[in-house]
Amino acid sequence: MSYYFIARIRINDELEYQKYIDKSGAVFKKYNGEYLAVENAPLVLEGAFDYSRLVLIRFNSKHDFETWYNSADYQEILKHRLNAAECDTILVKGLNDEL
């Protein structure tokens, strides 16, 4: 069962945030994460979106997500994102692939 990590990000320091971006792709891939979307200007259909970026990443399982998020590799780069931006992040479980 897939799990989806969704991040709404308001970037305050582009240079610091870039330190996160420079290494994040390799770290996601190492832990079976796959970028599905990275959008700097999503089309807002309802409500408001006062963020700089939206990111959607798929993991094959909750275990893969937890292994990634708690890994020393990710924690090392996470500090750059947290120092550079305000973030709202959530994890959602995907629908059963048989549906």
PDB file of N, CA and C in Angstrom:
ATOM      1  N   MET A   1       0.840  -1.179   0.000  1.00  0.00           N
ATOM      2  CA  MET A   1       0.000   0.000   0.000  1.00  0.00           C
ATOM      3  C   MET A   1       0.885   1.242   0.000  1.00  0.00           C
ATOM      4  N   SER A   2       0.655   2.127  -0.932  1.00  0.00           N
ATOM      5  CA  SER A   2       1.450   3.353  -1.042  1.00  0.00           C
ATOM      6  C   SER A   2       1.062   4.368   0.028  1.00  0.00           C
ATOM      7  N   TYR A   3       2.036   5.180   0.397  1.00  0.00           N
ATOM      8  CA  TYR A   3       1.824   6.309   1.300  1.00  0.00           C
ATOM      9  C   TYR A   3       2.370   7.549   0.611  1.00  0.00           C
ATOM     10  N   TYR A   4       1.680   8.668   0.847  1.00  0.00           N
ATOM     11  CA  TYR A   4       2.020   9.917   0.175  1.00  0.00           C
ATOM     12  C   TYR A   4       2.382  10.986   1.192  1.00  0.00           C
ATOM     13  N   PHE A   5       3.551  11.541   1.027  1.00  0.00           N
ATOM     14  CA  PHE A   5       4.038  12.631   1.864  1.00  0.00           C
ATOM     15  C   PHE A   5       3.752  13.923   1.106  1.00  0.00           C
ATOM     16  N   ILE A   6       2.995  14.809   1.730  1.00  0.00           N
ATOM     17  CA  ILE A   6       2.608  16.070   1.101  1.00  0.00           C
ATOM     18  C   ILE A   6       3.174  17.207   1.939  1.00  0.00           C
ATOM     19  N   ALA A   7       3.864  18.112   1.277  1.00  0.00           N
ATOM     20  CA  ALA A   7       4.456  19.252   1.982  1.00  0.00           C
ATOM     21  C   ALA A   7       4.016  20.549   1.311  1.00  0.00           C
ATOM     22  N   ARG A   8       3.483  21.458   2.126  1.00  0.00           N
ATOM     23  CA  ARG A   8       3.212  22.829   1.688  1.00  0.00           C
ATOM     24  C   ARG A   8       4.298  23.672   2.329  1.00  0.00           C
ATOM     25  N   ILE A   9       5.047  24.378   1.507  1.00  0.00           N
ATOM     26  CA  ILE A   9       6.283  25.016   1.960  1.00  0.00           C
ATOM     27  C   ILE A   9       6.261  26.506   1.625  1.00  0.00           C
ATOM     28  N   ARG A  10       6.605  27.311   2.601  1.00  0.00           N
ATOM     29  CA  ARG A  10       6.759  28.756   2.411  1.00  0.00           C
ATOM     30  C   ARG A  10       8.244  29.059   2.612  1.00  0.00           C
ATOM     31  N   ILE A  11       8.964  29.253   1.521  1.00  0.00           N
ATOM     32  CA  ILE A  11      10.410  29.434   1.561  1.00  0.00           C
ATOM     33  C   ILE A  11      10.737  30.867   1.965  1.00  0.00           C
ATOM     34  N   ASN A  12      11.586  30.998   2.986  1.00  0.00           N
ATOM     35  CA  ASN A  12      12.022  32.305   3.474  1.00  0.00           C
ATOM     36  C   ASN A  12      13.476  32.599   3.143  1.00  0.00           C
ATOM     37  N   ASP A  13      14.270  31.553   2.895  1.00  0.00           N
ATOM     38  CA  ASP A  13      15.702  31.693   2.627  1.00  0.00           C
ATOM     39  C   ASP A  13      16.072  30.734   1.503  1.00  0.00           C
ATOM     40  N   GLU A  14      16.120  31.259   0.278  1.00  0.00           N
ATOM     41  CA  GLU A  14      16.375  30.428  -0.906  1.00  0.00           C
ATOM     42  C   GLU A  14      17.722  29.721  -0.858  1.00  0.00           C
ATOM     43  N   LEU A  15      18.754  30.391  -0.388  1.00  0.00           N
ATOM     44  CA  LEU A  15      20.093  29.782  -0.352  1.00  0.00           C
ATOM     45  C   LEU A  15      20.152  28.607   0.613  1.00  0.00           C
ATOM     46  N   GLU A  16      19.559  28.764   1.771  1.00  0.00           N
ATOM     47  CA  GLU A  16      19.526  27.668   2.754  1.00  0.00           C
ATOM     48  C   GLU A  16      18.653  26.529   2.239  1.00  0.00           C
ATOM     49  N   TYR A  17      17.541  26.865   1.632  1.00  0.00           N
ATOM     50  CA  TYR A  17      16.644  25.842   1.092  1.00  0.00           C
ATOM     51  C   TYR A  17      17.328  25.046  -0.021  1.00  0.00           C
ATOM     52  N   GLN A  18      18.153  25.699  -0.804  1.00  0.00           N
ATOM     53  CA  GLN A  18      18.862  25.028  -1.885  1.00  0.00           C
ATOM     54  C   GLN A  18      19.786  23.930  -1.350  1.00  0.00           C
ATOM     55  N   LYS A  19      20.316  24.100  -0.156  1.00  0.00           N
ATOM     56  CA  LYS A  19      21.149  23.056   0.456  1.00  0.00           C
ATOM     57  C   LYS A  19      20.338  21.781   0.660  1.00  0.00           C
ATOM     58  N   TYR A  20      19.070  21.940   0.970  1.00  0.00           N
ATOM     59  CA  TYR A  20      18.162  20.797   1.118  1.00  0.00           C
ATOM     60  C   TYR A  20      17.882  20.173  -0.253  1.00  0.00           C
ATOM     61  N   ILE A  21      17.543  20.999  -1.222  1.00  0.00           N
ATOM     62  CA  ILE A  21      17.207  20.525  -2.566  1.00  0.00           C
ATOM     63  C   ILE A  21      18.366  19.773  -3.198  1.00  0.00           C
ATOM     64  N   ASP A  22      19.583  20.257  -3.005  1.00  0.00           N
ATOM     65  CA  ASP A  22      20.753  19.645  -3.623  1.00  0.00           C
ATOM     66  C   ASP A  22      20.917  18.172  -3.268  1.00  0.00           C
ATOM     67  N   LYS A  23      20.437  17.757  -2.106  1.00  0.00           N
ATOM     68  CA  LYS A  23      20.638  16.377  -1.658  1.00  0.00           C
ATOM     69  C   LYS A  23      19.349  15.580  -1.509  1.00  0.00           C
ATOM     70  N   SER A  24      18.209  16.234  -1.556  1.00  0.00           N
ATOM     71  CA  SER A  24      16.957  15.545  -1.231  1.00  0.00           C
ATOM     72  C   SER A  24      16.591  14.444  -2.221  1.00  0.00           C
ATOM     73  N   GLY A  25      16.770  14.667  -3.516  1.00  0.00           N
ATOM     74  CA  GLY A  25      16.388  13.661  -4.507  1.00  0.00           C
ATOM     75  C   GLY A  25      17.083  12.327  -4.301  1.00  0.00           C
ATOM     76  N   ALA A  26      18.372  12.363  -4.056  1.00  0.00           N
ATOM     77  CA  ALA A  26      19.133  11.126  -3.839  1.00  0.00           C
ATOM     78  C   ALA A  26      18.682  10.422  -2.564  1.00  0.00           C
ATOM     79  N   VAL A  27      18.371  11.198  -1.551  1.00  0.00           N
ATOM     80  CA  VAL A  27      17.923  10.594  -0.284  1.00  0.00           C
ATOM     81  C   VAL A  27      16.543   9.964  -0.449  1.00  0.00           C
ATOM     82  N   PHE A  28      15.611  10.643  -1.130  1.00  0.00           N
ATOM     83  CA  PHE A  28      14.291  10.051  -1.362  1.00  0.00           C
ATOM     84  C   PHE A  28      14.426   8.740  -2.120  1.00  0.00           C
ATOM     85  N   LYS A  29      15.211   8.750  -3.167  1.00  0.00           N
ATOM     86  CA  LYS A  29      15.377   7.558  -3.992  1.00  0.00           C
ATOM     87  C   LYS A  29      15.983   6.404  -3.195  1.00  0.00           C
ATOM     88  N   LYS A  30      16.955   6.697  -2.374  1.00  0.00           N
ATOM     89  CA  LYS A  30      17.620   5.663  -1.560  1.00  0.00           C
ATOM     90  C   LYS A  30      16.617   4.927  -0.680  1.00  0.00           C
ATOM     91  N   TYR A  31      15.575   5.633  -0.243  1.00  0.00           N
ATOM     92  CA  TYR A  31      14.583   5.040   0.665  1.00  0.00           C
ATOM     93  C   TYR A  31      13.254   4.769  -0.046  1.00  0.00           C
ATOM     94  N   ASN A  32      13.319   4.542  -1.351  1.00  0.00           N
ATOM     95  CA  ASN A  32      12.152   4.174  -2.159  1.00  0.00           C
ATOM     96  C   ASN A  32      11.095   5.265  -2.238  1.00  0.00           C
ATOM     97  N   GLY A  33      11.512   6.509  -2.117  1.00  0.00           N
ATOM     98  CA  GLY A  33      10.594   7.623  -2.321  1.00  0.00           C
ATOM     99  C   GLY A  33      10.659   8.076  -3.758  1.00  0.00           C
ATOM    100  N   GLU A  34       9.528   8.525  -4.277  1.00  0.00           N
ATOM    101  CA  GLU A  34       9.467   8.991  -5.661  1.00  0.00           C
ATOM    102  C   GLU A  34       8.717  10.315  -5.720  1.00  0.00           C
ATOM    103  N   TYR A  35       9.391  11.335  -6.248  1.00  0.00           N
ATOM    104  CA  TYR A  35       8.703  12.607  -6.461  1.00  0.00           C
ATOM    105  C   TYR A  35       7.577  12.379  -7.462  1.00  0.00           C
ATOM    106  N   LEU A  36       6.365  12.793  -7.120  1.00  0.00           N
ATOM    107  CA  LEU A  36       5.253  12.768  -8.057  1.00  0.00           C
ATOM    108  C   LEU A  36       4.923  14.164  -8.548  1.00  0.00           C
ATOM    109  N   ALA A  37       5.152  15.159  -7.698  1.00  0.00           N
ATOM    110  CA  ALA A  37       4.883  16.546  -8.096  1.00  0.00           C
ATOM    111  C   ALA A  37       5.704  17.493  -7.235  1.00  0.00           C
ATOM    112  N   VAL A  38       6.227  18.519  -7.886  1.00  0.00           N
ATOM    113  CA  VAL A  38       6.851  19.662  -7.222  1.00  0.00           C
ATOM    114  C   VAL A  38       6.339  20.871  -7.983  1.00  0.00           C
ATOM    115  N   GLU A  39       5.574  21.702  -7.308  1.00  0.00           N
ATOM    116  CA  GLU A  39       4.906  22.809  -7.992  1.00  0.00           C
ATOM    117  C   GLU A  39       5.112  24.105  -7.228  1.00  0.00           C
ATOM    118  N   ASN A  40       5.638  25.102  -7.932  1.00  0.00           N
ATOM    119  CA  ASN A  40       5.845  26.411  -7.327  1.00  0.00           C
ATOM    120  C   ASN A  40       4.646  27.338  -7.485  1.00  0.00           C
ATOM    121  N   ALA A  41       3.736  27.009  -8.375  1.00  0.00           N
ATOM    122  CA  ALA A  41       2.565  27.857  -8.603  1.00  0.00           C
ATOM    123  C   ALA A  41       1.357  26.987  -8.952  1.00  0.00           C
ATOM    124  N   PRO A  42       0.853  26.226  -7.981  1.00  0.00           N
ATOM    125  CA  PRO A  42      -0.298  25.381  -8.298  1.00  0.00           C
ATOM    126  C   PRO A  42      -1.530  26.216  -8.610  1.00  0.00           C
ATOM    127  N   LEU A  43      -2.393  25.678  -9.412  1.00  0.00           N
ATOM    128  CA  LEU A  43      -3.649  26.326  -9.742  1.00  0.00           C
ATOM    129  C   LEU A  43      -4.587  26.159  -8.547  1.00  0.00           C
ATOM    130  N   VAL A  44      -4.949  27.242  -7.920  1.00  0.00           N
ATOM    131  CA  VAL A  44      -5.831  27.205  -6.751  1.00  0.00           C
ATOM    132  C   VAL A  44      -7.275  27.206  -7.236  1.00  0.00           C
ATOM    133  N   LEU A  45      -7.993  26.153  -6.900  1.00  0.00           N
ATOM    134  CA  LEU A  45      -9.387  26.025  -7.325  1.00  0.00           C
ATOM    135  C   LEU A  45     -10.353  26.506  -6.251  1.00  0.00           C
ATOM    136  N   GLU A  46      -9.998  26.287  -5.002  1.00  0.00           N
ATOM    137  CA  GLU A  46     -10.833  26.720  -3.881  1.00  0.00           C
ATOM    138  C   GLU A  46      -9.912  27.145  -2.752  1.00  0.00           C
ATOM    139  N   GLY A  47     -10.325  28.128  -1.987  1.00  0.00           N
ATOM    140  CA  GLY A  47      -9.536  28.568  -0.854  1.00  0.00           C
ATOM    141  C   GLY A  47      -8.325  29.370  -1.282  1.00  0.00           C
ATOM    142  N   ALA A  48      -7.300  29.308  -0.460  1.00  0.00           N
ATOM    143  CA  ALA A  48      -6.084  30.091  -0.702  1.00  0.00           C
ATOM    144  C   ALA A  48      -4.864  29.183  -0.566  1.00  0.00           C
ATOM    145  N   PHE A  49      -3.807  29.548  -1.246  1.00  0.00           N
ATOM    146  CA  PHE A  49      -2.533  28.834  -1.152  1.00  0.00           C
ATOM    147  C   PHE A  49      -1.451  29.890  -1.002  1.00  0.00           C
ATOM    148  N   ASP A  50      -1.029  30.117   0.226  1.00  0.00           N
ATOM    149  CA  ASP A  50      -0.030  31.155   0.475  1.00  0.00           C
ATOM    150  C   ASP A  50       1.336  30.549   0.783  1.00  0.00           C
ATOM    151  N   TYR A  51       1.700  29.590  -0.040  1.00  0.00           N
ATOM    152  CA  TYR A  51       2.974  28.899   0.096  1.00  0.00           C
ATOM    153  C   TYR A  51       3.807  29.137  -1.159  1.00  0.00           C
ATOM    154  N   SER A  52       5.094  28.836  -1.073  1.00  0.00           N
ATOM    155  CA  SER A  52       5.998  28.957  -2.214  1.00  0.00           C
ATOM    156  C   SER A  52       6.029  27.698  -3.061  1.00  0.00           C
ATOM    157  N   ARG A  53       5.679  26.567  -2.457  1.00  0.00           N
ATOM    158  CA  ARG A  53       5.867  25.292  -3.147  1.00  0.00           C
ATOM    159  C   ARG A  53       4.991  24.215  -2.524  1.00  0.00           C
ATOM    160  N   LEU A  54       4.558  23.289  -3.373  1.00  0.00           N
ATOM    161  CA  LEU A  54       3.871  22.086  -2.913  1.00  0.00           C
ATOM    162  C   LEU A  54       4.657  20.891  -3.442  1.00  0.00           C
ATOM    163  N   VAL A  55       4.862  19.900  -2.590  1.00  0.00           N
ATOM    164  CA  VAL A  55       5.624  18.708  -2.975  1.00  0.00           C
ATOM    165  C   VAL A  55       4.803  17.472  -2.623  1.00  0.00           C
ATOM    166  N   LEU A  56       4.771  16.513  -3.537  1.00  0.00           N
ATOM    167  CA  LEU A  56       4.096  15.240  -3.326  1.00  0.00           C
ATOM    168  C   LEU A  56       5.089  14.120  -3.608  1.00  0.00           C
ATOM    169  N   ILE A  57       5.305  13.259  -2.614  1.00  0.00           N
ATOM    170  CA  ILE A  57       6.259  12.147  -2.741  1.00  0.00           C
ATOM    171  C   ILE A  57       5.543  10.855  -2.361  1.00  0.00           C
ATOM    172  N   ARG A  58       5.730   9.833  -3.188  1.00  0.00           N
ATOM    173  CA  ARG A  58       5.130   8.520  -2.919  1.00  0.00           C
ATOM    174  C   ARG A  58       6.173   7.570  -2.347  1.00  0.00           C
ATOM    175  N   PHE A  59       5.749   6.822  -1.337  1.00  0.00           N
ATOM    176  CA  PHE A  59       6.556   5.736  -0.774  1.00  0.00           C
ATOM    177  C   PHE A  59       5.770   4.447  -0.937  1.00  0.00           C
ATOM    178  N   ASN A  60       6.474   3.340  -1.161  1.00  0.00           N
ATOM    179  CA  ASN A  60       5.816   2.056  -1.389  1.00  0.00           C
ATOM    180  C   ASN A  60       5.087   1.528  -0.165  1.00  0.00           C
ATOM    181  N   SER A  61       5.514   1.954   1.016  1.00  0.00           N
ATOM    182  CA  SER A  61       4.905   1.465   2.256  1.00  0.00           C
ATOM    183  C   SER A  61       5.144   2.480   3.365  1.00  0.00           C
ATOM    184  N   LYS A  62       4.397   2.322   4.448  1.00  0.00           N
ATOM    185  CA  LYS A  62       4.605   3.188   5.607  1.00  0.00           C
ATOM    186  C   LYS A  62       6.000   2.938   6.188  1.00  0.00           C
ATOM    187  N   HIS A  63       6.443   1.697   6.124  1.00  0.00           N
ATOM    188  CA  HIS A  63       7.782   1.361   6.607  1.00  0.00           C
ATOM    189  C   HIS A  63       8.847   2.129   5.822  1.00  0.00           C
ATOM    190  N   ASP A  64       8.718   2.175   4.488  1.00  0.00           N
ATOM    191  CA  ASP A  64       9.676   2.930   3.679  1.00  0.00           C
ATOM    192  C   ASP A  64       9.674   4.408   4.076  1.00  0.00           C
ATOM    193  N   PHE A  65       8.465   4.973   4.268  1.00  0.00           N
ATOM    194  CA  PHE A  65       8.376   6.368   4.700  1.00  0.00           C
ATOM    195  C   PHE A  65       9.079   6.568   6.035  1.00  0.00           C
ATOM    196  N   GLU A  66       8.770   5.735   7.018  1.00  0.00           N
ATOM    197  CA  GLU A  66       9.349   5.893   8.355  1.00  0.00           C
ATOM    198  C   GLU A  66      10.863   5.704   8.341  1.00  0.00           C
ATOM    199  N   THR A  67      11.327   4.747   7.549  1.00  0.00           N
ATOM    200  CA  THR A  67      12.765   4.522   7.435  1.00  0.00           C
ATOM    201  C   THR A  67      13.446   5.751   6.846  1.00  0.00           C
ATOM    202  N   TRP A  68      12.836   6.323   5.789  1.00  0.00           N
ATOM    203  CA  TRP A  68      13.370   7.552   5.182  1.00  0.00           C
ATOM    204  C   TRP A  68      13.349   8.703   6.169  1.00  0.00           C
ATOM    205  N   TYR A  69      12.192   9.003   6.735  1.00  0.00           N
ATOM    206  CA  TYR A  69      12.040  10.197   7.558  1.00  0.00           C
ATOM    207  C   TYR A  69      12.949  10.161   8.787  1.00  0.00           C
ATOM    208  N   ASN A  70      13.123   8.996   9.360  1.00  0.00           N
ATOM    209  CA  ASN A  70      13.932   8.863  10.573  1.00  0.00           C
ATOM    210  C   ASN A  70      15.402   8.558  10.301  1.00  0.00           C
ATOM    211  N   SER A  71      15.772   8.429   9.036  1.00  0.00           N
ATOM    212  CA  SER A  71      17.156   8.088   8.706  1.00  0.00           C
ATOM    213  C   SER A  71      18.105   9.238   9.026  1.00  0.00           C
ATOM    214  N   ALA A  72      19.339   8.888   9.321  1.00  0.00           N
ATOM    215  CA  ALA A  72      20.373   9.907   9.533  1.00  0.00           C
ATOM    216  C   ALA A  72      20.571  10.728   8.263  1.00  0.00           C
ATOM    217  N   ASP A  73      20.446  10.078   7.092  1.00  0.00           N
ATOM    218  CA  ASP A  73      20.588  10.780   5.816  1.00  0.00           C
ATOM    219  C   ASP A  73      19.577  11.919   5.704  1.00  0.00           C
ATOM    220  N   TYR A  74      18.318  11.636   6.003  1.00  0.00           N
ATOM    221  CA  TYR A  74      17.299  12.668   5.862  1.00  0.00           C
ATOM    222  C   TYR A  74      17.384  13.706   6.972  1.00  0.00           C
ATOM    223  N   GLN A  75      17.624  13.265   8.174  1.00  0.00           N
ATOM    224  CA  GLN A  75      17.710  14.213   9.284  1.00  0.00           C
ATOM    225  C   GLN A  75      18.840  15.215   9.069  1.00  0.00           C
ATOM    226  N   GLU A  76      19.897  14.786   8.396  1.00  0.00           N
ATOM    227  CA  GLU A  76      21.024  15.682   8.106  1.00  0.00           C
ATOM    228  C   GLU A  76      20.623  16.822   7.169  1.00  0.00           C
ATOM    229  N   ILE A  77      19.771  16.536   6.187  1.00  0.00           N
ATOM    230  CA  ILE A  77      19.360  17.600   5.260  1.00  0.00           C
ATOM    231  C   ILE A  77      18.088  18.312   5.703  1.00  0.00           C
ATOM    232  N   LEU A  78      17.256  17.650   6.494  1.00  0.00           N
ATOM    233  CA  LEU A  78      16.001  18.245   6.959  1.00  0.00           C
ATOM    234  C   LEU A  78      16.239  19.574   7.669  1.00  0.00           C
ATOM    235  N   LYS A  79      17.322  19.671   8.397  1.00  0.00           N
ATOM    236  CA  LYS A  79      17.611  20.905   9.139  1.00  0.00           C
ATOM    237  C   LYS A  79      17.663  22.115   8.204  1.00  0.00           C
ATOM    238  N   HIS A  80      18.108  21.917   6.975  1.00  0.00           N
ATOM    239  CA  HIS A  80      18.174  23.024   6.018  1.00  0.00           C
ATOM    240  C   HIS A  80      16.766  23.482   5.618  1.00  0.00           C
ATOM    241  N   ARG A  81      15.872  22.519   5.389  1.00  0.00           N
ATOM    242  CA  ARG A  81      14.495  22.882   5.032  1.00  0.00           C
ATOM    243  C   ARG A  81      13.823  23.600   6.195  1.00  0.00           C
ATOM    244  N   LEU A  82      14.001  23.083   7.393  1.00  0.00           N
ATOM    245  CA  LEU A  82      13.352  23.688   8.561  1.00  0.00           C
ATOM    246  C   LEU A  82      13.919  25.061   8.889  1.00  0.00           C
ATOM    247  N   ASN A  83      15.200  25.261   8.625  1.00  0.00           N
ATOM    248  CA  ASN A  83      15.802  26.580   8.842  1.00  0.00           C
ATOM    249  C   ASN A  83      15.396  27.589   7.770  1.00  0.00           C
ATOM    250  N   ALA A  84      15.061  27.101   6.576  1.00  0.00           N
ATOM    251  CA  ALA A  84      14.820  27.974   5.430  1.00  0.00           C
ATOM    252  C   ALA A  84      13.350  28.245   5.149  1.00  0.00           C
ATOM    253  N   ALA A  85      12.463  27.463   5.759  1.00  0.00           N
ATOM    254  CA  ALA A  85      11.058  27.556   5.356  1.00  0.00           C
ATOM    255  C   ALA A  85      10.114  27.184   6.486  1.00  0.00           C
ATOM    256  N   GLU A  86       8.888  27.664   6.332  1.00  0.00           N
ATOM    257  CA  GLU A  86       7.787  27.216   7.178  1.00  0.00           C
ATOM    258  C   GLU A  86       7.086  26.116   6.399  1.00  0.00           C
ATOM    259  N   CYS A  87       6.837  24.989   7.048  1.00  0.00           N
ATOM    260  CA  CYS A  87       6.318  23.832   6.326  1.00  0.00           C
ATOM    261  C   CYS A  87       5.135  23.207   7.064  1.00  0.00           C
ATOM    262  N   ASP A  88       4.142  22.845   6.303  1.00  0.00           N
ATOM    263  CA  ASP A  88       3.046  22.009   6.789  1.00  0.00           C
ATOM    264  C   ASP A  88       3.164  20.708   6.019  1.00  0.00           C
ATOM    265  N   THR A  89       3.374  19.598   6.728  1.00  0.00           N
ATOM    266  CA  THR A  89       3.551  18.314   6.066  1.00  0.00           C
ATOM    267  C   THR A  89       2.575  17.301   6.634  1.00  0.00           C
ATOM    268  N   ILE A  90       2.113  16.403   5.771  1.00  0.00           N
ATOM    269  CA  ILE A  90       1.211  15.340   6.190  1.00  0.00           C
ATOM    270  C   ILE A  90       1.584  14.053   5.468  1.00  0.00           C
ATOM    271  N   LEU A  91       1.146  12.940   6.028  1.00  0.00           N
ATOM    272  CA  LEU A  91       1.302  11.631   5.403  1.00  0.00           C
ATOM    273  C   LEU A  91      -0.093  11.056   5.231  1.00  0.00           C
ATOM    274  N   VAL A  92      -0.411  10.602   4.027  1.00  0.00           N
ATOM    275  CA  VAL A  92      -1.710   9.988   3.774  1.00  0.00           C
ATOM    276  C   VAL A  92      -1.514   8.615   3.145  1.00  0.00           C
ATOM    277  N   LYS A  93      -2.412   7.719   3.513  1.00  0.00           N
ATOM    278  CA  LYS A  93      -2.385   6.358   2.991  1.00  0.00           C
ATOM    279  C   LYS A  93      -3.137   6.330   1.678  1.00  0.00           C
ATOM    280  N   GLY A  94      -2.550   5.699   0.670  1.00  0.00           N
ATOM    281  CA  GLY A  94      -3.194   5.576  -0.627  1.00  0.00           C
ATOM    282  C   GLY A  94      -4.324   4.558  -0.584  1.00  0.00           C
ATOM    283  N   LEU A  95      -5.173   4.633  -1.585  1.00  0.00           N
ATOM    284  CA  LEU A  95      -6.239   3.648  -1.716  1.00  0.00           C
ATOM    285  C   LEU A  95      -5.647   2.311  -2.120  1.00  0.00           C
ATOM    286  N   ASN A  96      -6.315   1.266  -1.757  1.00  0.00           N
ATOM    287  CA  ASN A  96      -5.886  -0.070  -2.131  1.00  0.00           C
ATOM    288  C   ASN A  96      -5.782  -0.131  -3.655  1.00  0.00           C
ATOM    289  N   ASP A  97      -4.669  -0.654  -4.155  1.00  0.00           N
ATOM    290  CA  ASP A  97      -4.423  -0.704  -5.593  1.00  0.00           C
ATOM    291  C   ASP A  97      -5.490  -1.497  -6.348  1.00  0.00           C
ATOM    292  N   GLU A  98      -6.258  -2.339  -5.661  1.00  0.00           N
ATOM    293  CA  GLU A  98      -7.278  -3.158  -6.324  1.00  0.00           C
ATOM    294  C   GLU A  98      -8.569  -2.406  -6.537  1.00  0.00           C
ATOM    295  N   LEU A  99      -8.723  -1.235  -5.929  1.00  0.00           N
ATOM    296  CA  LEU A  99      -9.985  -0.479  -6.089  1.00  0.00           C
ATOM    297  C   LEU A  99     -10.088   0.132  -7.446  1.00  0.00           C
TER     298      LEU A  99
END
